[in-house]
Amino acid sequence: MDGSAFHLYAGPISALSEVHNAYPDKNLYFTEQWIGAPGNMKGDLAWHVRELIIGATRNWSRNVLQWNLAADPNQNPHTPGGCDKCWVP
């Protein structure tokens, strides 16, 4: 096994470091984050940069994938039957 992939739907980004400390020989990958639509682009972008692009890499992630940055104004494309707003309660 190469490592673990993470989504940030609950808990702090620092959880990546906890896993790294327990398994320092395994890789960590940040693979998804909710879109939070409808959102505030200026505030949302600042949060994503701070928490994900900077936060994940400072906590041992080898990457940051933001697939939902490609969403159109209707939150498409998304998997039929899947989340089109992805709000966290």
PDB file of N, CA and C in Angstrom:
ATOM      1  N   MET A   1       0.847  -1.157   0.000  1.00  0.00           N
ATOM      2  CA  MET A   1       0.000   0.000   0.000  1.00  0.00           C
ATOM      3  C   MET A   1       0.901   1.231   0.000  1.00  0.00           C
ATOM      4  N   ASP A   2       0.574   2.179  -0.860  1.00  0.00           N
ATOM      5  CA  ASP A   2       1.358   3.397  -1.004  1.00  0.00           C
ATOM      6  C   ASP A   2       1.060   4.409   0.093  1.00  0.00           C
ATOM      7  N   GLY A   3      -0.207   4.539   0.510  1.00  0.00           N
ATOM      8  CA  GLY A   3      -0.559   5.537   1.505  1.00  0.00           C
ATOM      9  C   GLY A   3      -2.053   5.712   1.619  1.00  0.00           C
ATOM     10  N   SER A   4      -2.480   6.942   1.960  1.00  0.00           N
ATOM     11  CA  SER A   4      -3.889   7.253   2.186  1.00  0.00           C
ATOM     12  C   SER A   4      -4.295   8.499   1.436  1.00  0.00           C
ATOM     13  N   ALA A   5      -5.557   8.517   1.001  1.00  0.00           N
ATOM     14  CA  ALA A   5      -6.148   9.703   0.382  1.00  0.00           C
ATOM     15  C   ALA A   5      -7.121  10.321   1.372  1.00  0.00           C
ATOM     16  N   PHE A   6      -7.204  11.648   1.370  1.00  0.00           N
ATOM     17  CA  PHE A   6      -8.045  12.381   2.311  1.00  0.00           C
ATOM     18  C   PHE A   6      -9.022  13.295   1.596  1.00  0.00           C
ATOM     19  N   HIS A   7     -10.206  13.418   2.190  1.00  0.00           N
ATOM     20  CA  HIS A   7     -11.183  14.458   1.862  1.00  0.00           C
ATOM     21  C   HIS A   7     -11.350  15.251   3.153  1.00  0.00           C
ATOM     22  N   LEU A   8     -11.581  16.538   3.056  1.00  0.00           N
ATOM     23  CA  LEU A   8     -11.728  17.368   4.258  1.00  0.00           C
ATOM     24  C   LEU A   8     -13.194  17.762   4.441  1.00  0.00           C
ATOM     25  N   TYR A   9     -13.987  16.855   5.002  1.00  0.00           N
ATOM     26  CA  TYR A   9     -15.392  17.149   5.266  1.00  0.00           C
ATOM     27  C   TYR A   9     -15.649  17.379   6.746  1.00  0.00           C
ATOM     28  N   ALA A  10     -14.747  16.989   7.585  1.00  0.00           N
ATOM     29  CA  ALA A  10     -14.881  17.211   9.024  1.00  0.00           C
ATOM     30  C   ALA A  10     -13.498  17.092   9.639  1.00  0.00           C
ATOM     31  N   GLY A  11     -13.236  17.900  10.636  1.00  0.00           N
ATOM     32  CA  GLY A  11     -11.947  17.848  11.302  1.00  0.00           C
ATOM     33  C   GLY A  11     -10.932  18.776  10.669  1.00  0.00           C
ATOM     34  N   PRO A  12      -9.803  18.939  11.316  1.00  0.00           N
ATOM     35  CA  PRO A  12      -8.772  19.869  10.844  1.00  0.00           C
ATOM     36  C   PRO A  12      -7.832  19.237   9.824  1.00  0.00           C
ATOM     37  N   ILE A  13      -7.241  20.075   8.997  1.00  0.00           N
ATOM     38  CA  ILE A  13      -6.271  19.612   8.010  1.00  0.00           C
ATOM     39  C   ILE A  13      -5.041  19.012   8.700  1.00  0.00           C
ATOM     40  N   SER A  14      -4.796  19.389   9.947  1.00  0.00           N
ATOM     41  CA  SER A  14      -3.648  18.855  10.682  1.00  0.00           C
ATOM     42  C   SER A  14      -3.762  17.359  10.949  1.00  0.00           C
ATOM     43  N   ALA A  15      -4.939  16.773  10.718  1.00  0.00           N
ATOM     44  CA  ALA A  15      -5.086  15.318  10.857  1.00  0.00           C
ATOM     45  C   ALA A  15      -4.131  14.584   9.922  1.00  0.00           C
ATOM     46  N   LEU A  16      -3.772  15.219   8.816  1.00  0.00           N
ATOM     47  CA  LEU A  16      -2.790  14.613   7.911  1.00  0.00           C
ATOM     48  C   LEU A  16      -1.468  14.376   8.634  1.00  0.00           C
ATOM     49  N   SER A  17      -1.048  15.327   9.448  1.00  0.00           N
ATOM     50  CA  SER A  17       0.211  15.160  10.185  1.00  0.00           C
ATOM     51  C   SER A  17       0.115  14.039  11.215  1.00  0.00           C
ATOM     52  N   GLU A  18      -1.050  13.862  11.809  1.00  0.00           N
ATOM     53  CA  GLU A  18      -1.229  12.765  12.760  1.00  0.00           C
ATOM     54  C   GLU A  18      -1.015  11.423  12.066  1.00  0.00           C
ATOM     55  N   VAL A  19      -1.555  11.287  10.870  1.00  0.00           N
ATOM     56  CA  VAL A  19      -1.378  10.044  10.118  1.00  0.00           C
ATOM     57  C   VAL A  19       0.085   9.899   9.700  1.00  0.00           C
ATOM     58  N   HIS A  20       0.682  10.989   9.233  1.00  0.00           N
ATOM     59  CA  HIS A  20       2.100  10.941   8.848  1.00  0.00           C
ATOM     60  C   HIS A  20       2.972  10.502  10.031  1.00  0.00           C
ATOM     61  N   ASN A  21       2.698  11.061  11.203  1.00  0.00           N
ATOM     62  CA  ASN A  21       3.505  10.713  12.382  1.00  0.00           C
ATOM     63  C   ASN A  21       3.352   9.237  12.749  1.00  0.00           C
ATOM     64  N   ALA A  22       2.162   8.687  12.524  1.00  0.00           N
ATOM     65  CA  ALA A  22       1.938   7.271  12.830  1.00  0.00           C
ATOM     66  C   ALA A  22       2.539   6.356  11.763  1.00  0.00           C
ATOM     67  N   TYR A  23       2.569   6.821  10.504  1.00  0.00           N
ATOM     68  CA  TYR A  23       3.055   6.009   9.377  1.00  0.00           C
ATOM     69  C   TYR A  23       3.961   6.855   8.482  1.00  0.00           C
ATOM     70  N   PRO A  24       5.121   7.251   8.954  1.00  0.00           N
ATOM     71  CA  PRO A  24       5.971   8.163   8.182  1.00  0.00           C
ATOM     72  C   PRO A  24       6.494   7.598   6.866  1.00  0.00           C
ATOM     73  N   ASP A  25       6.417   6.305   6.682  1.00  0.00           N
ATOM     74  CA  ASP A  25       6.887   5.699   5.437  1.00  0.00           C
ATOM     75  C   ASP A  25       5.797   5.616   4.364  1.00  0.00           C
ATOM     76  N   LYS A  26       4.594   6.105   4.662  1.00  0.00           N
ATOM     77  CA  LYS A  26       3.483   6.067   3.700  1.00  0.00           C
ATOM     78  C   LYS A  26       3.194   7.474   3.181  1.00  0.00           C
ATOM     79  N   ASN A  27       2.720   7.552   1.943  1.00  0.00           N
ATOM     80  CA  ASN A  27       2.378   8.832   1.321  1.00  0.00           C
ATOM     81  C   ASN A  27       0.962   9.250   1.693  1.00  0.00           C
ATOM     82  N   LEU A  28       0.732  10.562   1.679  1.00  0.00           N
ATOM     83  CA  LEU A  28      -0.586  11.132   1.920  1.00  0.00           C
ATOM     84  C   LEU A  28      -0.984  11.947   0.704  1.00  0.00           C
ATOM     85  N   TYR A  29      -2.267  11.859   0.331  1.00  0.00           N
ATOM     86  CA  TYR A  29      -2.782  12.568  -0.841  1.00  0.00           C
ATOM     87  C   TYR A  29      -4.086  13.254  -0.473  1.00  0.00           C
ATOM     88  N   PHE A  30      -4.189  14.530  -0.799  1.00  0.00           N
ATOM     89  CA  PHE A  30      -5.436  15.257  -0.568  1.00  0.00           C
ATOM     90  C   PHE A  30      -6.206  15.252  -1.880  1.00  0.00           C
ATOM     91  N   THR A  31      -7.380  14.611  -1.897  1.00  0.00           N
ATOM     92  CA  THR A  31      -8.051  14.339  -3.164  1.00  0.00           C
ATOM     93  C   THR A  31      -9.403  15.000  -3.360  1.00  0.00           C
ATOM     94  N   GLU A  32      -9.947  15.699  -2.367  1.00  0.00           N
ATOM     95  CA  GLU A  32     -11.259  16.306  -2.599  1.00  0.00           C
ATOM     96  C   GLU A  32     -11.628  17.260  -1.482  1.00  0.00           C
ATOM     97  N   GLN A  33     -12.410  18.268  -1.839  1.00  0.00           N
ATOM     98  CA  GLN A  33     -13.018  19.184  -0.875  1.00  0.00           C
ATOM     99  C   GLN A  33     -14.340  19.657  -1.448  1.00  0.00           C
ATOM    100  N   TRP A  34     -15.324  19.859  -0.591  1.00  0.00           N
ATOM    101  CA  TRP A  34     -16.654  20.316  -1.013  1.00  0.00           C
ATOM    102  C   TRP A  34     -16.584  21.685  -1.662  1.00  0.00           C
ATOM    103  N   ILE A  35     -17.581  21.970  -2.491  1.00  0.00           N
ATOM    104  CA  ILE A  35     -17.590  23.215  -3.241  1.00  0.00           C
ATOM    105  C   ILE A  35     -18.253  24.345  -2.476  1.00  0.00           C
ATOM    106  N   GLY A  36     -19.165  24.035  -1.537  1.00  0.00           N
ATOM    107  CA  GLY A  36     -19.798  25.065  -0.727  1.00  0.00           C
ATOM    108  C   GLY A  36     -20.676  26.017  -1.505  1.00  0.00           C
ATOM    109  N   ALA A  37     -21.362  25.566  -2.525  1.00  0.00           N
ATOM    110  CA  ALA A  37     -22.160  26.432  -3.390  1.00  0.00           C
ATOM    111  C   ALA A  37     -23.530  26.688  -2.787  1.00  0.00           C
ATOM    112  N   PRO A  38     -24.147  27.780  -3.088  1.00  0.00           N
ATOM    113  CA  PRO A  38     -23.527  28.926  -3.770  1.00  0.00           C
ATOM    114  C   PRO A  38     -22.599  29.631  -2.793  1.00  0.00           C
ATOM    115  N   GLY A  39     -21.489  30.058  -3.283  1.00  0.00           N
ATOM    116  CA  GLY A  39     -20.475  30.584  -2.385  1.00  0.00           C
ATOM    117  C   GLY A  39     -20.096  32.017  -2.657  1.00  0.00           C
ATOM    118  N   ASN A  40     -19.038  32.413  -2.025  1.00  0.00           N
ATOM    119  CA  ASN A  40     -18.454  33.733  -2.159  1.00  0.00           C
ATOM    120  C   ASN A  40     -17.048  33.500  -2.699  1.00  0.00           C
ATOM    121  N   MET A  41     -16.853  33.716  -3.990  1.00  0.00           N
ATOM    122  CA  MET A  41     -15.591  33.358  -4.639  1.00  0.00           C
ATOM    123  C   MET A  41     -14.377  33.933  -3.909  1.00  0.00           C
ATOM    124  N   LYS A  42     -14.418  35.213  -3.543  1.00  0.00           N
ATOM    125  CA  LYS A  42     -13.271  35.834  -2.890  1.00  0.00           C
ATOM    126  C   LYS A  42     -12.965  35.155  -1.556  1.00  0.00           C
ATOM    127  N   GLY A  43     -13.962  35.006  -0.716  1.00  0.00           N
ATOM    128  CA  GLY A  43     -13.746  34.360   0.579  1.00  0.00           C
ATOM    129  C   GLY A  43     -13.452  32.885   0.458  1.00  0.00           C
ATOM    130  N   ASP A  44     -14.171  32.200  -0.436  1.00  0.00           N
ATOM    131  CA  ASP A  44     -13.959  30.769  -0.615  1.00  0.00           C
ATOM    132  C   ASP A  44     -12.560  30.475  -1.141  1.00  0.00           C
ATOM    133  N   LEU A  45     -12.109  31.261  -2.107  1.00  0.00           N
ATOM    134  CA  LEU A  45     -10.786  31.036  -2.682  1.00  0.00           C
ATOM    135  C   LEU A  45      -9.697  31.246  -1.631  1.00  0.00           C
ATOM    136  N   ALA A  46      -9.837  32.279  -0.822  1.00  0.00           N
ATOM    137  CA  ALA A  46      -8.851  32.528   0.235  1.00  0.00           C
ATOM    138  C   ALA A  46      -8.817  31.356   1.208  1.00  0.00           C
ATOM    139  N   TRP A  47      -9.982  30.835   1.585  1.00  0.00           N
ATOM    140  CA  TRP A  47     -10.035  29.689   2.502  1.00  0.00           C
ATOM    141  C   TRP A  47      -9.379  28.465   1.878  1.00  0.00           C
ATOM    142  N   HIS A  48      -9.691  28.191   0.610  1.00  0.00           N
ATOM    143  CA  HIS A  48      -9.131  27.017  -0.065  1.00  0.00           C
ATOM    144  C   HIS A  48      -7.612  27.111  -0.193  1.00  0.00           C
ATOM    145  N   VAL A  49      -7.104  28.283  -0.496  1.00  0.00           N
ATOM    146  CA  VAL A  49      -5.651  28.451  -0.581  1.00  0.00           C
ATOM    147  C   VAL A  49      -5.022  28.223   0.792  1.00  0.00           C
ATOM    148  N   ARG A  50      -5.567  28.890   1.819  1.00  0.00           N
ATOM    149  CA  ARG A  50      -4.996  28.789   3.168  1.00  0.00           C
ATOM    150  C   ARG A  50      -5.092  27.378   3.734  1.00  0.00           C
ATOM    151  N   GLU A  51      -6.281  26.800   3.704  1.00  0.00           N
ATOM    152  CA  GLU A  51      -6.513  25.517   4.356  1.00  0.00           C
ATOM    153  C   GLU A  51      -6.056  24.318   3.535  1.00  0.00           C
ATOM    154  N   LEU A  52      -6.181  24.400   2.213  1.00  0.00           N
ATOM    155  CA  LEU A  52      -5.898  23.227   1.389  1.00  0.00           C
ATOM    156  C   LEU A  52      -4.562  23.306   0.678  1.00  0.00           C
ATOM    157  N   ILE A  53      -4.380  24.295  -0.153  1.00  0.00           N
ATOM    158  CA  ILE A  53      -3.142  24.350  -0.931  1.00  0.00           C
ATOM    159  C   ILE A  53      -1.939  24.521  -0.008  1.00  0.00           C
ATOM    160  N   ILE A  54      -2.043  25.422   0.956  1.00  0.00           N
ATOM    161  CA  ILE A  54      -0.954  25.608   1.912  1.00  0.00           C
ATOM    162  C   ILE A  54      -1.059  24.579   3.038  1.00  0.00           C
ATOM    163  N   GLY A  55      -2.244  24.452   3.624  1.00  0.00           N
ATOM    164  CA  GLY A  55      -2.420  23.584   4.787  1.00  0.00           C
ATOM    165  C   GLY A  55      -2.115  22.122   4.522  1.00  0.00           C
ATOM    166  N   ALA A  56      -2.624  21.587   3.430  1.00  0.00           N
ATOM    167  CA  ALA A  56      -2.393  20.163   3.143  1.00  0.00           C
ATOM    168  C   ALA A  56      -0.915  19.881   2.890  1.00  0.00           C
ATOM    169  N   THR A  57      -0.269  20.740   2.123  1.00  0.00           N
ATOM    170  CA  THR A  57       1.142  20.486   1.823  1.00  0.00           C
ATOM    171  C   THR A  57       2.033  20.697   3.044  1.00  0.00           C
ATOM    172  N   ARG A  58       1.652  21.579   3.946  1.00  0.00           N
ATOM    173  CA  ARG A  58       2.410  21.741   5.199  1.00  0.00           C
ATOM    174  C   ARG A  58       2.190  20.567   6.150  1.00  0.00           C
ATOM    175  N   ASN A  59       1.167  19.777   5.869  1.00  0.00           N
ATOM    176  CA  ASN A  59       0.862  18.618   6.704  1.00  0.00           C
ATOM    177  C   ASN A  59       1.104  17.317   5.948  1.00  0.00           C
ATOM    178  N   TRP A  60       2.118  17.316   5.104  1.00  0.00           N
ATOM    179  CA  TRP A  60       2.678  16.126   4.474  1.00  0.00           C
ATOM    180  C   TRP A  60       1.946  15.596   3.243  1.00  0.00           C
ATOM    181  N   SER A  61       0.912  16.282   2.762  1.00  0.00           N
ATOM    182  CA  SER A  61       0.250  15.800   1.548  1.00  0.00           C
ATOM    183  C   SER A  61       1.176  16.004   0.352  1.00  0.00           C
ATOM    184  N   ARG A  62       1.224  15.024  -0.521  1.00  0.00           N
ATOM    185  CA  ARG A  62       2.056  15.104  -1.721  1.00  0.00           C
ATOM    186  C   ARG A  62       1.355  15.836  -2.849  1.00  0.00           C
ATOM    187  N   ASN A  63       0.064  16.149  -2.675  1.00  0.00           N
ATOM    188  CA  ASN A  63      -0.704  16.824  -3.721  1.00  0.00           C
ATOM    189  C   ASN A  63      -1.924  17.507  -3.110  1.00  0.00           C
ATOM    190  N   VAL A  64      -2.613  18.292  -3.921  1.00  0.00           N
ATOM    191  CA  VAL A  64      -3.924  18.844  -3.583  1.00  0.00           C
ATOM    192  C   VAL A  64      -4.739  18.832  -4.866  1.00  0.00           C
ATOM    193  N   LEU A  65      -5.825  18.055  -4.878  1.00  0.00           N
ATOM    194  CA  LEU A  65      -6.723  18.017  -6.034  1.00  0.00           C
ATOM    195  C   LEU A  65      -7.991  18.792  -5.702  1.00  0.00           C
ATOM    196  N   GLN A  66      -8.317  19.756  -6.539  1.00  0.00           N
ATOM    197  CA  GLN A  66      -9.513  20.565  -6.373  1.00  0.00           C
ATOM    198  C   GLN A  66     -10.390  20.377  -7.603  1.00  0.00           C
ATOM    199  N   TRP A  67     -10.945  19.226  -7.770  1.00  0.00           N
ATOM    200  CA  TRP A  67     -11.725  18.924  -8.969  1.00  0.00           C
ATOM    201  C   TRP A  67     -12.899  19.869  -9.133  1.00  0.00           C
ATOM    202  N   ASN A  68     -13.484  20.350  -8.049  1.00  0.00           N
ATOM    203  CA  ASN A  68     -14.681  21.177  -8.154  1.00  0.00           C
ATOM    204  C   ASN A  68     -14.402  22.618  -8.563  1.00  0.00           C
ATOM    205  N   LEU A  69     -13.158  23.027  -8.703  1.00  0.00           N
ATOM    206  CA  LEU A  69     -12.875  24.363  -9.218  1.00  0.00           C
ATOM    207  C   LEU A  69     -13.303  24.492 -10.677  1.00  0.00           C
ATOM    208  N   ALA A  70     -13.553  23.370 -11.336  1.00  0.00           N
ATOM    209  CA  ALA A  70     -13.979  23.395 -12.733  1.00  0.00           C
ATOM    210  C   ALA A  70     -15.489  23.449 -12.881  1.00  0.00           C
ATOM    211  N   ALA A  71     -16.239  23.512 -11.787  1.00  0.00           N
ATOM    212  CA  ALA A  71     -17.695  23.511 -11.856  1.00  0.00           C
ATOM    213  C   ALA A  71     -18.215  24.780 -12.521  1.00  0.00           C
ATOM    214  N   ASP A  72     -19.309  24.628 -13.262  1.00  0.00           N
ATOM    215  CA  ASP A  72     -19.947  25.788 -13.881  1.00  0.00           C
ATOM    216  C   ASP A  72     -20.923  26.432 -12.880  1.00  0.00           C
ATOM    217  N   PRO A  73     -21.627  27.515 -13.246  1.00  0.00           N
ATOM    218  CA  PRO A  73     -22.526  28.185 -12.300  1.00  0.00           C
ATOM    219  C   PRO A  73     -23.662  27.303 -11.768  1.00  0.00           C
ATOM    220  N   ASN A  74     -23.953  26.190 -12.440  1.00  0.00           N
ATOM    221  CA  ASN A  74     -24.981  25.256 -11.979  1.00  0.00           C
ATOM    222  C   ASN A  74     -24.384  24.070 -11.223  1.00  0.00           C
ATOM    223  N   GLN A  75     -23.110  24.180 -10.877  1.00  0.00           N
ATOM    224  CA  GLN A  75     -22.366  23.142 -10.152  1.00  0.00           C
ATOM    225  C   GLN A  75     -22.217  21.859 -10.969  1.00  0.00           C
ATOM    226  N   ASN A  76     -22.208  21.984 -12.268  1.00  0.00           N
ATOM    227  CA  ASN A  76     -21.986  20.842 -13.154  1.00  0.00           C
ATOM    228  C   ASN A  76     -20.535  20.849 -13.614  1.00  0.00           C
ATOM    229  N   PRO A  77     -19.957  19.762 -13.949  1.00  0.00           N
ATOM    230  CA  PRO A  77     -20.592  18.445 -13.943  1.00  0.00           C
ATOM    231  C   PRO A  77     -20.522  17.804 -12.552  1.00  0.00           C
ATOM    232  N   HIS A  78     -21.494  16.985 -12.263  1.00  0.00           N
ATOM    233  CA  HIS A  78     -21.451  16.154 -11.066  1.00  0.00           C
ATOM    234  C   HIS A  78     -22.131  14.835 -11.372  1.00  0.00           C
ATOM    235  N   THR A  79     -21.835  13.837 -10.591  1.00  0.00           N
ATOM    236  CA  THR A  79     -22.363  12.503 -10.810  1.00  0.00           C
ATOM    237  C   THR A  79     -23.872  12.501 -10.625  1.00  0.00           C
ATOM    238  N   PRO A  80     -24.636  11.947 -11.580  1.00  0.00           N
ATOM    239  CA  PRO A  80     -26.089  11.882 -11.410  1.00  0.00           C
ATOM    240  C   PRO A  80     -26.452  11.245 -10.069  1.00  0.00           C
ATOM    241  N   GLY A  81     -27.322  11.922  -9.337  1.00  0.00           N
ATOM    242  CA  GLY A  81     -27.711  11.440  -8.027  1.00  0.00           C
ATOM    243  C   GLY A  81     -26.757  11.871  -6.932  1.00  0.00           C
ATOM    244  N   GLY A  82     -25.648  12.483  -7.326  1.00  0.00           N
ATOM    245  CA  GLY A  82     -24.657  12.930  -6.344  1.00  0.00           C
ATOM    246  C   GLY A  82     -24.937  14.348  -5.875  1.00  0.00           C
ATOM    247  N   CYS A  83     -24.049  14.850  -5.100  1.00  0.00           N
ATOM    248  CA  CYS A  83     -24.180  16.168  -4.493  1.00  0.00           C
ATOM    249  C   CYS A  83     -23.983  17.259  -5.541  1.00  0.00           C
ATOM    250  N   ASP A  84     -24.924  18.224  -5.616  1.00  0.00           N
ATOM    251  CA  ASP A  84     -24.714  19.348  -6.519  1.00  0.00           C
ATOM    252  C   ASP A  84     -24.492  20.652  -5.764  1.00  0.00           C
ATOM    253  N   LYS A  85     -24.542  20.612  -4.436  1.00  0.00           N
ATOM    254  CA  LYS A  85     -24.242  21.797  -3.630  1.00  0.00           C
ATOM    255  C   LYS A  85     -23.181  21.482  -2.578  1.00  0.00           C
ATOM    256  N   CYS A  86     -23.191  20.274  -2.060  1.00  0.00           N
ATOM    257  CA  CYS A  86     -22.177  19.774  -1.131  1.00  0.00           C
ATOM    258  C   CYS A  86     -22.000  20.663   0.091  1.00  0.00           C
ATOM    259  N   TRP A  87     -23.099  21.024   0.686  1.00  0.00           N
ATOM    260  CA  TRP A  87     -23.031  21.764   1.934  1.00  0.00           C
ATOM    261  C   TRP A  87     -22.721  20.820   3.080  1.00  0.00           C
ATOM    262  N   VAL A  88     -21.960  21.306   4.013  1.00  0.00           N
ATOM    263  CA  VAL A  88     -21.676  20.538   5.229  1.00  0.00           C
ATOM    264  C   VAL A  88     -22.619  21.069   6.296  1.00  0.00           C
ATOM    265  N   PRO A  89     -23.453  20.194   6.899  1.00  0.00           N
ATOM    266  CA  PRO A  89     -24.429  20.675   7.890  1.00  0.00           C
ATOM    267  C   PRO A  89     -23.757  21.227   9.130  1.00  0.00           C
TER     268      PRO A  89
END
